[in-house]
Structures are given as structure tokens and as C-alpha cells.
Amino acid sequence: MTQPIYDIAVNQNATFKMSFQLTDSASVPINIDSWSFTGSIKETAQSATTIADFTASADTASSIVTISLTPFQTNQFNSTAYVYDIIATNIAPTVDEVYRILQGKVKVNLGVTPSTIV
């Protein structure tokens, strides 16, 4: 199974949020009641150091997953190019499933004005 590639743009010193709906091949929302989601940003896929971890939340009624970064996290970006992926894990006790559901490049738009929250 090939996971979708979706490149994203993140503004340094600002909040980042992105939502997406998980559907089957017929575009029907899938049941994500027993799933958890996580994701990371690194300089390259082989990098040992994680630059930032997404906060992930799921609306199980609509099968929508939202990932986000805080201004503090986006302030840590000191380059304009990174990579990311999003992992889904079935947390039901009898099933052990892990899937990479999304991946791509991260383009960082470096900021001029620092966030007052940082």
C-alpha cells in the first residue's frame, strides 16, 4: 500500500494546523474509533534527531484527523526544508496495526517578526 504524499508549508513563529479525512477507496469515511495518530518532522528521513512532533487529534464521528504545531515548535525551525510523516496505530488490544498514512516535504517560510508566545 502506497501512502499519499502531500507537501506542506509551515510559517515559522506561527501556529500550524491541518485536517484531513480518512476514507476508503470508495471515499466512505473509515471507522477510526480505536486508532491513535502521531507524526514527526526531521531534516531527512534518516536523521536521528526529531525537529518537532505534531499534536494529533481525531474526530471519530467524521473520521477527521487534525495535526498541529505551536508557535514555540515552529520557532525551532532554522532551515527551509524538512520531511514529515503521520502514523496511525490501532490501539485496540487485540489488533497490532501500524500504518504510515501521510508523508511529504515541509517547506518553512522563515519569519521576520517573532511570536510573542515563543
PDB file of N, CA and C in Angstrom:
ATOM      1  N   MET A   1       0.836  -1.169   0.000  1.00  0.00           N
ATOM      2  CA  MET A   1       0.000   0.000   0.000  1.00  0.00           C
ATOM      3  C   MET A   1       0.893   1.248   0.000  1.00  0.00           C
ATOM      4  N   THR A   2       0.695   2.114  -0.929  1.00  0.00           N
ATOM      5  CA  THR A   2       1.457   3.344  -1.018  1.00  0.00           C
ATOM      6  C   THR A   2       0.708   4.455  -0.295  1.00  0.00           C
ATOM      7  N   GLN A   3       1.411   5.133   0.594  1.00  0.00           N
ATOM      8  CA  GLN A   3       0.789   6.220   1.330  1.00  0.00           C
ATOM      9  C   GLN A   3       0.821   7.498   0.509  1.00  0.00           C
ATOM     10  N   PRO A   4      -0.164   8.340   0.689  1.00  0.00           N
ATOM     11  CA  PRO A   4      -0.196   9.599  -0.061  1.00  0.00           C
ATOM     12  C   PRO A   4       0.987  10.504   0.310  1.00  0.00           C
ATOM     13  N   ILE A   5       1.463  11.216  -0.680  1.00  0.00           N
ATOM     14  CA  ILE A   5       2.495  12.222  -0.464  1.00  0.00           C
ATOM     15  C   ILE A   5       1.824  13.584  -0.590  1.00  0.00           C
ATOM     16  N   TYR A   6       1.962  14.384   0.459  1.00  0.00           N
ATOM     17  CA  TYR A   6       1.351  15.706   0.492  1.00  0.00           C
ATOM     18  C   TYR A   6       2.338  16.664   1.136  1.00  0.00           C
ATOM     19  N   ASP A   7       2.878  17.563   0.347  1.00  0.00           N
ATOM     20  CA  ASP A   7       3.824  18.544   0.855  1.00  0.00           C
ATOM     21  C   ASP A   7       3.072  19.665   1.568  1.00  0.00           C
ATOM     22  N   ILE A   8       3.659  20.152   2.668  1.00  0.00           N
ATOM     23  CA  ILE A   8       3.016  21.202   3.449  1.00  0.00           C
ATOM     24  C   ILE A   8       3.946  22.411   3.581  1.00  0.00           C
ATOM     25  N   ALA A   9       3.359  23.560   3.873  1.00  0.00           N
ATOM     26  CA  ALA A   9       4.104  24.787   4.145  1.00  0.00           C
ATOM     27  C   ALA A   9       3.782  25.229   5.567  1.00  0.00           C
ATOM     28  N   VAL A  10       4.822  25.560   6.321  1.00  0.00           N
ATOM     29  CA  VAL A  10       4.681  25.973   7.709  1.00  0.00           C
ATOM     30  C   VAL A  10       5.312  27.355   7.861  1.00  0.00           C
ATOM     31  N   ASN A  11       4.618  28.244   8.528  1.00  0.00           N
ATOM     32  CA  ASN A  11       5.158  29.568   8.817  1.00  0.00           C
ATOM     33  C   ASN A  11       5.888  29.532  10.146  1.00  0.00           C
ATOM     34  N   GLN A  12       7.160  29.929  10.139  1.00  0.00           N
ATOM     35  CA  GLN A  12       7.948  29.992  11.363  1.00  0.00           C
ATOM     36  C   GLN A  12       7.299  30.986  12.329  1.00  0.00           C
ATOM     37  N   ASN A  13       7.342  30.686  13.625  1.00  0.00           N
ATOM     38  CA  ASN A  13       6.811  31.538  14.703  1.00  0.00           C
ATOM     39  C   ASN A  13       5.290  31.633  14.711  1.00  0.00           C
ATOM     40  N   ALA A  14       4.613  30.734  14.037  1.00  0.00           N
ATOM     41  CA  ALA A  14       3.152  30.788  13.960  1.00  0.00           C
ATOM     42  C   ALA A  14       2.556  29.400  14.201  1.00  0.00           C
ATOM     43  N   THR A  15       1.295  29.375  14.563  1.00  0.00           N
ATOM     44  CA  THR A  15       0.560  28.121  14.725  1.00  0.00           C
ATOM     45  C   THR A  15       0.354  27.470  13.364  1.00  0.00           C
ATOM     46  N   PHE A  16       0.477  26.149  13.322  1.00  0.00           N
ATOM     47  CA  PHE A  16       0.185  25.382  12.113  1.00  0.00           C
ATOM     48  C   PHE A  16      -0.892  24.367  12.462  1.00  0.00           C
ATOM     49  N   LYS A  17      -1.930  24.283  11.624  1.00  0.00           N
ATOM     50  CA  LYS A  17      -2.977  23.264  11.771  1.00  0.00           C
ATOM     51  C   LYS A  17      -3.370  22.761  10.392  1.00  0.00           C
ATOM     52  N   MET A  18      -3.596  21.456  10.312  1.00  0.00           N
ATOM     53  CA  MET A  18      -4.062  20.848   9.074  1.00  0.00           C
ATOM     54  C   MET A  18      -4.970  19.674   9.424  1.00  0.00           C
ATOM     55  N   SER A  19      -6.087  19.569   8.725  1.00  0.00           N
ATOM     56  CA  SER A  19      -7.023  18.465   8.943  1.00  0.00           C
ATOM     57  C   SER A  19      -7.197  17.680   7.655  1.00  0.00           C
ATOM     58  N   PHE A  20      -7.440  16.382   7.821  1.00  0.00           N
ATOM     59  CA  PHE A  20      -7.723  15.534   6.669  1.00  0.00           C
ATOM     60  C   PHE A  20      -8.657  14.413   7.102  1.00  0.00           C
ATOM     61  N   GLN A  21      -9.451  13.951   6.152  1.00  0.00           N
ATOM     62  CA  GLN A  21     -10.426  12.895   6.440  1.00  0.00           C
ATOM     63  C   GLN A  21      -9.898  11.565   5.905  1.00  0.00           C
ATOM     64  N   LEU A  22     -10.029  10.517   6.700  1.00  0.00           N
ATOM     65  CA  LEU A  22      -9.614   9.185   6.280  1.00  0.00           C
ATOM     66  C   LEU A  22     -10.809   8.454   5.682  1.00  0.00           C
ATOM     67  N   THR A  23     -10.659   8.057   4.428  1.00  0.00           N
ATOM     68  CA  THR A  23     -11.733   7.384   3.704  1.00  0.00           C
ATOM     69  C   THR A  23     -11.205   6.126   3.036  1.00  0.00           C
ATOM     70  N   ASP A  24     -12.115   5.246   2.658  1.00  0.00           N
ATOM     71  CA  ASP A  24     -11.715   4.052   1.910  1.00  0.00           C
ATOM     72  C   ASP A  24     -11.664   4.379   0.421  1.00  0.00           C
ATOM     73  N   SER A  25     -11.441   3.374  -0.406  1.00  0.00           N
ATOM     74  CA  SER A  25     -11.290   3.598  -1.843  1.00  0.00           C
ATOM     75  C   SER A  25     -12.567   4.118  -2.506  1.00  0.00           C
ATOM     76  N   ALA A  26     -13.713   3.983  -1.835  1.00  0.00           N
ATOM     77  CA  ALA A  26     -14.981   4.498  -2.360  1.00  0.00           C
ATOM     78  C   ALA A  26     -15.320   5.866  -1.750  1.00  0.00           C
ATOM     79  N   SER A  27     -14.339   6.478  -1.075  1.00  0.00           N
ATOM     80  CA  SER A  27     -14.495   7.790  -0.418  1.00  0.00           C
ATOM     81  C   SER A  27     -15.474   7.776   0.752  1.00  0.00           C
ATOM     82  N   VAL A  28     -15.662   6.621   1.357  1.00  0.00           N
ATOM     83  CA  VAL A  28     -16.514   6.488   2.537  1.00  0.00           C
ATOM     84  C   VAL A  28     -15.624   6.624   3.768  1.00  0.00           C
ATOM     85  N   PRO A  29     -15.989   7.493   4.728  1.00  0.00           N
ATOM     86  CA  PRO A  29     -15.169   7.646   5.936  1.00  0.00           C
ATOM     87  C   PRO A  29     -14.984   6.303   6.654  1.00  0.00           C
ATOM     88  N   ILE A  30     -13.760   6.031   7.096  1.00  0.00           N
ATOM     89  CA  ILE A  30     -13.486   4.777   7.791  1.00  0.00           C
ATOM     90  C   ILE A  30     -13.611   4.974   9.299  1.00  0.00           C
ATOM     91  N   ASN A  31     -13.860   3.900  10.013  1.00  0.00           N
ATOM     92  CA  ASN A  31     -14.002   3.931  11.460  1.00  0.00           C
ATOM     93  C   ASN A  31     -12.616   4.065  12.095  1.00  0.00           C
ATOM     94  N   ILE A  32     -12.382   5.159  12.809  1.00  0.00           N
ATOM     95  CA  ILE A  32     -11.087   5.370  13.464  1.00  0.00           C
ATOM     96  C   ILE A  32     -11.231   5.407  14.994  1.00  0.00           C
ATOM     97  N   ASP A  33     -12.292   4.790  15.504  1.00  0.00           N
ATOM     98  CA  ASP A  33     -12.550   4.800  16.945  1.00  0.00           C
ATOM     99  C   ASP A  33     -11.388   4.252  17.768  1.00  0.00           C
ATOM    100  N   SER A  34     -10.712   3.221  17.306  1.00  0.00           N
ATOM    101  CA  SER A  34      -9.652   2.588  18.104  1.00  0.00           C
ATOM    102  C   SER A  34      -8.245   2.937  17.606  1.00  0.00           C
ATOM    103  N   TRP A  35      -8.117   4.067  16.948  1.00  0.00           N
ATOM    104  CA  TRP A  35      -6.829   4.453  16.380  1.00  0.00           C
ATOM    105  C   TRP A  35      -6.254   5.674  17.082  1.00  0.00           C
ATOM    106  N   SER A  36      -4.929   5.730  17.145  1.00  0.00           N
ATOM    107  CA  SER A  36      -4.235   6.932  17.611  1.00  0.00           C
ATOM    108  C   SER A  36      -3.325   7.403  16.478  1.00  0.00           C
ATOM    109  N   PHE A  37      -2.972   8.670  16.514  1.00  0.00           N
ATOM    110  CA  PHE A  37      -2.205   9.264  15.421  1.00  0.00           C
ATOM    111  C   PHE A  37      -1.034  10.058  15.984  1.00  0.00           C
ATOM    112  N   THR A  38       0.090   9.982  15.306  1.00  0.00           N
ATOM    113  CA  THR A  38       1.277  10.714  15.696  1.00  0.00           C
ATOM    114  C   THR A  38       2.053  11.092  14.438  1.00  0.00           C
ATOM    115  N   GLY A  39       2.921  12.056  14.558  1.00  0.00           N
ATOM    116  CA  GLY A  39       3.726  12.450  13.412  1.00  0.00           C
ATOM    117  C   GLY A  39       4.926  13.256  13.844  1.00  0.00           C
ATOM    118  N   SER A  40       5.957  13.250  13.006  1.00  0.00           N
ATOM    119  CA  SER A  40       7.205  13.939  13.321  1.00  0.00           C
ATOM    120  C   SER A  40       7.750  14.659  12.106  1.00  0.00           C
ATOM    121  N   ILE A  41       8.601  15.642  12.394  1.00  0.00           N
ATOM    122  CA  ILE A  41       9.323  16.385  11.365  1.00  0.00           C
ATOM    123  C   ILE A  41      10.814  16.205  11.639  1.00  0.00           C
ATOM    124  N   LYS A  42      11.565  15.885  10.580  1.00  0.00           N
ATOM    125  CA  LYS A  42      13.017  15.731  10.671  1.00  0.00           C
ATOM    126  C   LYS A  42      13.673  16.425   9.492  1.00  0.00           C
ATOM    127  N   GLU A  43      14.992  16.622   9.594  1.00  0.00           N
ATOM    128  CA  GLU A  43      15.717  17.218   8.473  1.00  0.00           C
ATOM    129  C   GLU A  43      15.704  16.287   7.263  1.00  0.00           C
ATOM    130  N   THR A  44      15.929  15.001   7.492  1.00  0.00           N
ATOM    131  CA  THR A  44      15.812  13.975   6.450  1.00  0.00           C
ATOM    132  C   THR A  44      15.175  12.760   7.103  1.00  0.00           C
ATOM    133  N   ALA A  45      14.697  11.834   6.304  1.00  0.00           N
ATOM    134  CA  ALA A  45      14.088  10.629   6.853  1.00  0.00           C
ATOM    135  C   ALA A  45      15.087   9.823   7.683  1.00  0.00           C
ATOM    136  N   GLN A  46      16.367   9.941   7.380  1.00  0.00           N
ATOM    137  CA  GLN A  46      17.399   9.187   8.088  1.00  0.00           C
ATOM    138  C   GLN A  46      17.936   9.912   9.327  1.00  0.00           C
ATOM    139  N   SER A  47      17.541  11.154   9.557  1.00  0.00           N
ATOM    140  CA  SER A  47      18.035  11.928  10.702  1.00  0.00           C
ATOM    141  C   SER A  47      17.661  11.261  12.014  1.00  0.00           C
ATOM    142  N   ALA A  48      18.613  11.274  12.947  1.00  0.00           N
ATOM    143  CA  ALA A  48      18.349  10.715  14.273  1.00  0.00           C
ATOM    144  C   ALA A  48      17.546  11.681  15.142  1.00  0.00           C
ATOM    145  N   THR A  49      17.669  12.974  14.867  1.00  0.00           N
ATOM    146  CA  THR A  49      17.030  13.998  15.686  1.00  0.00           C
ATOM    147  C   THR A  49      15.701  14.436  15.091  1.00  0.00           C
ATOM    148  N   THR A  50      14.677  14.444  15.921  1.00  0.00           N
ATOM    149  CA  THR A  50      13.371  14.952  15.525  1.00  0.00           C
ATOM    150  C   THR A  50      13.338  16.454  15.788  1.00  0.00           C
ATOM    151  N   ILE A  51      12.915  17.212  14.801  1.00  0.00           N
ATOM    152  CA  ILE A  51      12.813  18.669  14.944  1.00  0.00           C
ATOM    153  C   ILE A  51      11.551  19.045  15.718  1.00  0.00           C
ATOM    154  N   ALA A  52      10.437  18.380  15.424  1.00  0.00           N
ATOM    155  CA  ALA A  52       9.170  18.650  16.112  1.00  0.00           C
ATOM    156  C   ALA A  52       8.243  17.444  15.969  1.00  0.00           C
ATOM    157  N   ASP A  53       7.405  17.260  16.968  1.00  0.00           N
ATOM    158  CA  ASP A  53       6.347  16.241  16.914  1.00  0.00           C
ATOM    159  C   ASP A  53       5.010  16.953  16.804  1.00  0.00           C
ATOM    160  N   PHE A  54       4.191  16.503  15.880  1.00  0.00           N
ATOM    161  CA  PHE A  54       2.851  17.047  15.756  1.00  0.00           C
ATOM    162  C   PHE A  54       1.999  16.639  16.955  1.00  0.00           C
ATOM    163  N   THR A  55       1.082  17.498  17.349  1.00  0.00           N
ATOM    164  CA  THR A  55      -0.015  17.102  18.219  1.00  0.00           C
ATOM    165  C   THR A  55      -1.110  16.640  17.280  1.00  0.00           C
ATOM    166  N   ALA A  56      -1.674  15.478  17.552  1.00  0.00           N
ATOM    167  CA  ALA A  56      -2.706  14.930  16.672  1.00  0.00           C
ATOM    168  C   ALA A  56      -3.970  14.658  17.468  1.00  0.00           C
ATOM    169  N   SER A  57      -5.103  15.004  16.864  1.00  0.00           N
ATOM    170  CA  SER A  57      -6.400  14.708  17.475  1.00  0.00           C
ATOM    171  C   SER A  57      -7.309  14.151  16.386  1.00  0.00           C
ATOM    172  N   ALA A  58      -8.300  13.396  16.811  1.00  0.00           N
ATOM    173  CA  ALA A  58      -9.204  12.768  15.849  1.00  0.00           C
ATOM    174  C   ALA A  58     -10.656  13.003  16.231  1.00  0.00           C
ATOM    175  N   ASP A  59     -11.450  13.366  15.257  1.00  0.00           N
ATOM    176  CA  ASP A  59     -12.902  13.442  15.402  1.00  0.00           C
ATOM    177  C   ASP A  59     -13.419  12.124  14.836  1.00  0.00           C
ATOM    178  N   THR A  60     -13.707  11.179  15.726  1.00  0.00           N
ATOM    179  CA  THR A  60     -14.068   9.837  15.274  1.00  0.00           C
ATOM    180  C   THR A  60     -15.415   9.794  14.558  1.00  0.00           C
ATOM    181  N   ALA A  61     -16.298  10.723  14.863  1.00  0.00           N
ATOM    182  CA  ALA A  61     -17.605  10.742  14.198  1.00  0.00           C
ATOM    183  C   ALA A  61     -17.490  11.052  12.705  1.00  0.00           C
ATOM    184  N   SER A  62     -16.517  11.875  12.336  1.00  0.00           N
ATOM    185  CA  SER A  62     -16.362  12.270  10.934  1.00  0.00           C
ATOM    186  C   SER A  62     -15.095  11.715  10.291  1.00  0.00           C
ATOM    187  N   SER A  63     -14.294  10.952  11.057  1.00  0.00           N
ATOM    188  CA  SER A  63     -13.029  10.379  10.570  1.00  0.00           C
ATOM    189  C   SER A  63     -12.037  11.450  10.146  1.00  0.00           C
ATOM    190  N   ILE A  64     -12.070  12.591  10.844  1.00  0.00           N
ATOM    191  CA  ILE A  64     -11.148  13.684  10.528  1.00  0.00           C
ATOM    192  C   ILE A  64     -10.031  13.731  11.570  1.00  0.00           C
ATOM    193  N   VAL A  65      -8.796  13.763  11.070  1.00  0.00           N
ATOM    194  CA  VAL A  65      -7.610  13.872  11.908  1.00  0.00           C
ATOM    195  C   VAL A  65      -7.047  15.281  11.737  1.00  0.00           C
ATOM    196  N   THR A  66      -6.701  15.918  12.836  1.00  0.00           N
ATOM    197  CA  THR A  66      -6.092  17.239  12.807  1.00  0.00           C
ATOM    198  C   THR A  66      -4.707  17.149  13.426  1.00  0.00           C
ATOM    199  N   ILE A  67      -3.714  17.677  12.718  1.00  0.00           N
ATOM    200  CA  ILE A  67      -2.361  17.753  13.252  1.00  0.00           C
ATOM    201  C   ILE A  67      -2.013  19.224  13.444  1.00  0.00           C
ATOM    202  N   SER A  68      -1.198  19.512  14.457  1.00  0.00           N
ATOM    203  CA  SER A  68      -0.869  20.910  14.716  1.00  0.00           C
ATOM    204  C   SER A  68       0.514  21.045  15.324  1.00  0.00           C
ATOM    205  N   LEU A  69       1.048  22.275  15.206  1.00  0.00           N
ATOM    206  CA  LEU A  69       2.303  22.684  15.821  1.00  0.00           C
ATOM    207  C   LEU A  69       2.063  24.028  16.498  1.00  0.00           C
ATOM    208  N   THR A  70       2.728  24.259  17.607  1.00  0.00           N
ATOM    209  CA  THR A  70       2.606  25.534  18.314  1.00  0.00           C
ATOM    210  C   THR A  70       3.623  26.545  17.762  1.00  0.00           C
ATOM    211  N   PRO A  71       3.440  27.833  18.058  1.00  0.00           N
ATOM    212  CA  PRO A  71       4.447  28.818  17.664  1.00  0.00           C
ATOM    213  C   PRO A  71       5.833  28.504  18.243  1.00  0.00           C
ATOM    214  N   PHE A  72       5.868  27.975  19.466  1.00  0.00           N
ATOM    215  CA  PHE A  72       7.157  27.586  20.054  1.00  0.00           C
ATOM    216  C   PHE A  72       7.842  26.531  19.195  1.00  0.00           C
ATOM    217  N   GLN A  73       7.071  25.537  18.735  1.00  0.00           N
ATOM    218  CA  GLN A  73       7.651  24.487  17.900  1.00  0.00           C
ATOM    219  C   GLN A  73       8.127  25.032  16.557  1.00  0.00           C
ATOM    220  N   THR A  74       7.324  25.863  15.920  1.00  0.00           N
ATOM    221  CA  THR A  74       7.716  26.369  14.596  1.00  0.00           C
ATOM    222  C   THR A  74       8.877  27.352  14.703  1.00  0.00           C
ATOM    223  N   ASN A  75       9.079  27.925  15.875  1.00  0.00           N
ATOM    224  CA  ASN A  75      10.228  28.796  16.099  1.00  0.00           C
ATOM    225  C   ASN A  75      11.535  28.009  16.056  1.00  0.00           C
ATOM    226  N   GLN A  76      11.467  26.704  16.294  1.00  0.00           N
ATOM    227  CA  GLN A  76      12.663  25.855  16.306  1.00  0.00           C
ATOM    228  C   GLN A  76      13.206  25.574  14.904  1.00  0.00           C
ATOM    229  N   PHE A  77      12.426  25.858  13.878  1.00  0.00           N
ATOM    230  CA  PHE A  77      12.876  25.599  12.510  1.00  0.00           C
ATOM    231  C   PHE A  77      13.939  26.615  12.122  1.00  0.00           C
ATOM    232  N   ASN A  78      15.109  26.126  11.738  1.00  0.00           N
ATOM    233  CA  ASN A  78      16.173  27.029  11.305  1.00  0.00           C
ATOM    234  C   ASN A  78      16.596  26.756   9.863  1.00  0.00           C
ATOM    235  N   SER A  79      15.830  25.939   9.198  1.00  0.00           N
ATOM    236  CA  SER A  79      16.064  25.634   7.795  1.00  0.00           C
ATOM    237  C   SER A  79      14.733  25.810   7.066  1.00  0.00           C
ATOM    238  N   THR A  80      14.774  25.800   5.750  1.00  0.00           N
ATOM    239  CA  THR A  80      13.531  25.968   4.994  1.00  0.00           C
ATOM    240  C   THR A  80      13.001  24.663   4.426  1.00  0.00           C
ATOM    241  N   ALA A  81      13.682  23.540   4.702  1.00  0.00           N
ATOM    242  CA  ALA A  81      13.241  22.268   4.126  1.00  0.00           C
ATOM    243  C   ALA A  81      13.416  21.122   5.116  1.00  0.00           C
ATOM    244  N   TYR A  82      12.333  20.384   5.321  1.00  0.00           N
ATOM    245  CA  TYR A  82      12.314  19.214   6.193  1.00  0.00           C
ATOM    246  C   TYR A  82      11.421  18.150   5.553  1.00  0.00           C
ATOM    247  N   VAL A  83      11.264  17.010   6.240  1.00  0.00           N
ATOM    248  CA  VAL A  83      10.324  15.969   5.820  1.00  0.00           C
ATOM    249  C   VAL A  83       9.467  15.592   7.027  1.00  0.00           C
ATOM    250  N   TYR A  84       8.301  15.012   6.752  1.00  0.00           N
ATOM    251  CA  TYR A  84       7.411  14.601   7.844  1.00  0.00           C
ATOM    252  C   TYR A  84       6.680  13.328   7.448  1.00  0.00           C
ATOM    253  N   ASP A  85       6.099  12.679   8.437  1.00  0.00           N
ATOM    254  CA  ASP A  85       5.123  11.633   8.173  1.00  0.00           C
ATOM    255  C   ASP A  85       4.138  11.567   9.328  1.00  0.00           C
ATOM    256  N   ILE A  86       2.990  10.958   9.044  1.00  0.00           N
ATOM    257  CA  ILE A  86       1.924  10.760  10.026  1.00  0.00           C
ATOM    258  C   ILE A  86       1.676   9.261  10.114  1.00  0.00           C
ATOM    259  N   ILE A  87       1.662   8.741  11.337  1.00  0.00           N
ATOM    260  CA  ILE A  87       1.486   7.319  11.595  1.00  0.00           C
ATOM    261  C   ILE A  87       0.156   7.092  12.311  1.00  0.00           C
ATOM    262  N   ALA A  88      -0.564   6.051  11.875  1.00  0.00           N
ATOM    263  CA  ALA A  88      -1.805   5.631  12.538  1.00  0.00           C
ATOM    264  C   ALA A  88      -1.555   4.284  13.203  1.00  0.00           C
ATOM    265  N   THR A  89      -1.959   4.175  14.473  1.00  0.00           N
ATOM    266  CA  THR A  89      -1.773   2.935  15.223  1.00  0.00           C
ATOM    267  C   THR A  89      -3.108   2.495  15.791  1.00  0.00           C
ATOM    268  N   ASN A  90      -3.466   1.242  15.546  1.00  0.00           N
ATOM    269  CA  ASN A  90      -4.679   0.686  16.117  1.00  0.00           C
ATOM    270  C   ASN A  90      -4.390   0.380  17.575  1.00  0.00           C
ATOM    271  N   ILE A  91      -5.107   1.046  18.476  1.00  0.00           N
ATOM    272  CA  ILE A  91      -4.850   0.868  19.899  1.00  0.00           C
ATOM    273  C   ILE A  91      -5.788  -0.151  20.553  1.00  0.00           C
ATOM    274  N   ALA A  92      -6.617  -0.811  19.736  1.00  0.00           N
ATOM    275  CA  ALA A  92      -7.458  -1.885  20.266  1.00  0.00           C
ATOM    276  C   ALA A  92      -6.530  -2.998  20.757  1.00  0.00           C
ATOM    277  N   PRO A  93      -6.856  -3.608  21.874  1.00  0.00           N
ATOM    278  CA  PRO A  93      -5.919  -4.569  22.477  1.00  0.00           C
ATOM    279  C   PRO A  93      -5.667  -5.839  21.674  1.00  0.00           C
ATOM    280  N   THR A  94      -6.529  -6.194  20.769  1.00  0.00           N
ATOM    281  CA  THR A  94      -6.340  -7.466  20.064  1.00  0.00           C
ATOM    282  C   THR A  94      -5.746  -7.312  18.672  1.00  0.00           C
ATOM    283  N   VAL A  95      -5.545  -6.106  18.222  1.00  0.00           N
ATOM    284  CA  VAL A  95      -5.037  -5.884  16.871  1.00  0.00           C
ATOM    285  C   VAL A  95      -3.765  -5.051  16.948  1.00  0.00           C
ATOM    286  N   ASP A  96      -2.743  -5.478  16.209  1.00  0.00           N
ATOM    287  CA  ASP A  96      -1.486  -4.738  16.178  1.00  0.00           C
ATOM    288  C   ASP A  96      -1.264  -4.253  14.750  1.00  0.00           C
ATOM    289  N   GLU A  97      -1.754  -3.039  14.465  1.00  0.00           N
ATOM    290  CA  GLU A  97      -1.624  -2.475  13.131  1.00  0.00           C
ATOM    291  C   GLU A  97      -1.017  -1.087  13.224  1.00  0.00           C
ATOM    292  N   VAL A  98      -0.040  -0.818  12.372  1.00  0.00           N
ATOM    293  CA  VAL A  98       0.581   0.498  12.283  1.00  0.00           C
ATOM    294  C   VAL A  98       0.725   0.829  10.801  1.00  0.00           C
ATOM    295  N   TYR A  99       0.257   2.000  10.416  1.00  0.00           N
ATOM    296  CA  TYR A  99       0.333   2.421   9.016  1.00  0.00           C
ATOM    297  C   TYR A  99       0.871   3.842   8.927  1.00  0.00           C
ATOM    298  N   ARG A 100       1.702   4.090   7.924  1.00  0.00           N
ATOM    299  CA  ARG A 100       2.073   5.463   7.585  1.00  0.00           C
ATOM    300  C   ARG A 100       0.986   5.940   6.638  1.00  0.00           C
ATOM    301  N   ILE A 101       0.212   6.941   7.070  1.00  0.00           N
ATOM    302  CA  ILE A 101      -0.943   7.356   6.274  1.00  0.00           C
ATOM    303  C   ILE A 101      -0.705   8.607   5.446  1.00  0.00           C
ATOM    304  N   LEU A 102       0.382   9.321   5.748  1.00  0.00           N
ATOM    305  CA  LEU A 102       0.671  10.549   5.008  1.00  0.00           C
ATOM    306  C   LEU A 102       2.146  10.863   5.193  1.00  0.00           C
ATOM    307  N   GLN A 103       2.758  11.412   4.149  1.00  0.00           N
ATOM    308  CA  GLN A 103       4.155  11.823   4.240  1.00  0.00           C
ATOM    309  C   GLN A 103       4.429  12.902   3.209  1.00  0.00           C
ATOM    310  N   GLY A 104       5.535  13.607   3.397  1.00  0.00           N
ATOM    311  CA  GLY A 104       5.894  14.607   2.409  1.00  0.00           C
ATOM    312  C   GLY A 104       6.989  15.526   2.884  1.00  0.00           C
ATOM    313  N   LYS A 105       7.165  16.585   2.141  1.00  0.00           N
ATOM    314  CA  LYS A 105       8.161  17.606   2.460  1.00  0.00           C
ATOM    315  C   LYS A 105       7.500  18.731   3.243  1.00  0.00           C
ATOM    316  N   VAL A 106       8.298  19.385   4.068  1.00  0.00           N
ATOM    317  CA  VAL A 106       7.852  20.556   4.810  1.00  0.00           C
ATOM    318  C   VAL A 106       8.657  21.744   4.305  1.00  0.00           C
ATOM    319  N   LYS A 107       7.961  22.725   3.748  1.00  0.00           N
ATOM    320  CA  LYS A 107       8.606  23.980   3.345  1.00  0.00           C
ATOM    321  C   LYS A 107       8.336  24.976   4.459  1.00  0.00           C
ATOM    322  N   VAL A 108       9.395  25.554   5.014  1.00  0.00           N
ATOM    323  CA  VAL A 108       9.248  26.521   6.091  1.00  0.00           C
ATOM    324  C   VAL A 108       9.440  27.919   5.534  1.00  0.00           C
ATOM    325  N   ASN A 109       8.451  28.755   5.778  1.00  0.00           N
ATOM    326  CA  ASN A 109       8.544  30.166   5.443  1.00  0.00           C
ATOM    327  C   ASN A 109       9.115  30.867   6.669  1.00  0.00           C
ATOM    328  N   LEU A 110      10.410  31.225   6.592  1.00  0.00           N
ATOM    329  CA  LEU A 110      11.066  31.830   7.743  1.00  0.00           C
ATOM    330  C   LEU A 110      10.418  33.153   8.096  1.00  0.00           C
ATOM    331  N   GLY A 111      10.277  33.412   9.402  1.00  0.00           N
ATOM    332  CA  GLY A 111       9.599  34.608   9.860  1.00  0.00           C
ATOM    333  C   GLY A 111      10.554  35.767  10.112  1.00  0.00           C
ATOM    334  N   VAL A 112       9.997  36.948  10.109  1.00  0.00           N
ATOM    335  CA  VAL A 112      10.744  38.164  10.405  1.00  0.00           C
ATOM    336  C   VAL A 112      10.400  38.630  11.818  1.00  0.00           C
ATOM    337  N   THR A 113       9.115  38.653  12.128  1.00  0.00           N
ATOM    338  CA  THR A 113       8.652  39.107  13.438  1.00  0.00           C
ATOM    339  C   THR A 113       8.482  37.906  14.354  1.00  0.00           C
ATOM    340  N   PRO A 114       9.158  37.873  15.494  1.00  0.00           N
ATOM    341  CA  PRO A 114       8.985  36.743  16.387  1.00  0.00           C
ATOM    342  C   PRO A 114       7.616  36.751  17.040  1.00  0.00           C
ATOM    343  N   SER A 115       7.127  35.573  17.346  1.00  0.00           N
ATOM    344  CA  SER A 115       5.865  35.445  18.054  1.00  0.00           C
ATOM    345  C   SER A 115       6.018  35.941  19.475  1.00  0.00           C
ATOM    346  N   THR A 116       4.982  36.554  20.022  1.00  0.00           N
ATOM    347  CA  THR A 116       5.025  36.978  21.416  1.00  0.00           C
ATOM    348  C   THR A 116       4.794  35.804  22.353  1.00  0.00           C
ATOM    349  N   ILE A 117       4.364  34.656  21.805  1.00  0.00           N
ATOM    350  CA  ILE A 117       4.102  33.459  22.599  1.00  0.00           C
ATOM    351  C   ILE A 117       5.364  32.637  22.768  1.00  0.00           C
ATOM    352  N   VAL A 118       6.314  32.774  21.866  1.00  0.00           N
ATOM    353  CA  VAL A 118       7.515  31.932  21.856  1.00  0.00           C
ATOM    354  C   VAL A 118       8.318  32.117  23.108  1.00  0.00           C
TER     355      VAL A 118
END
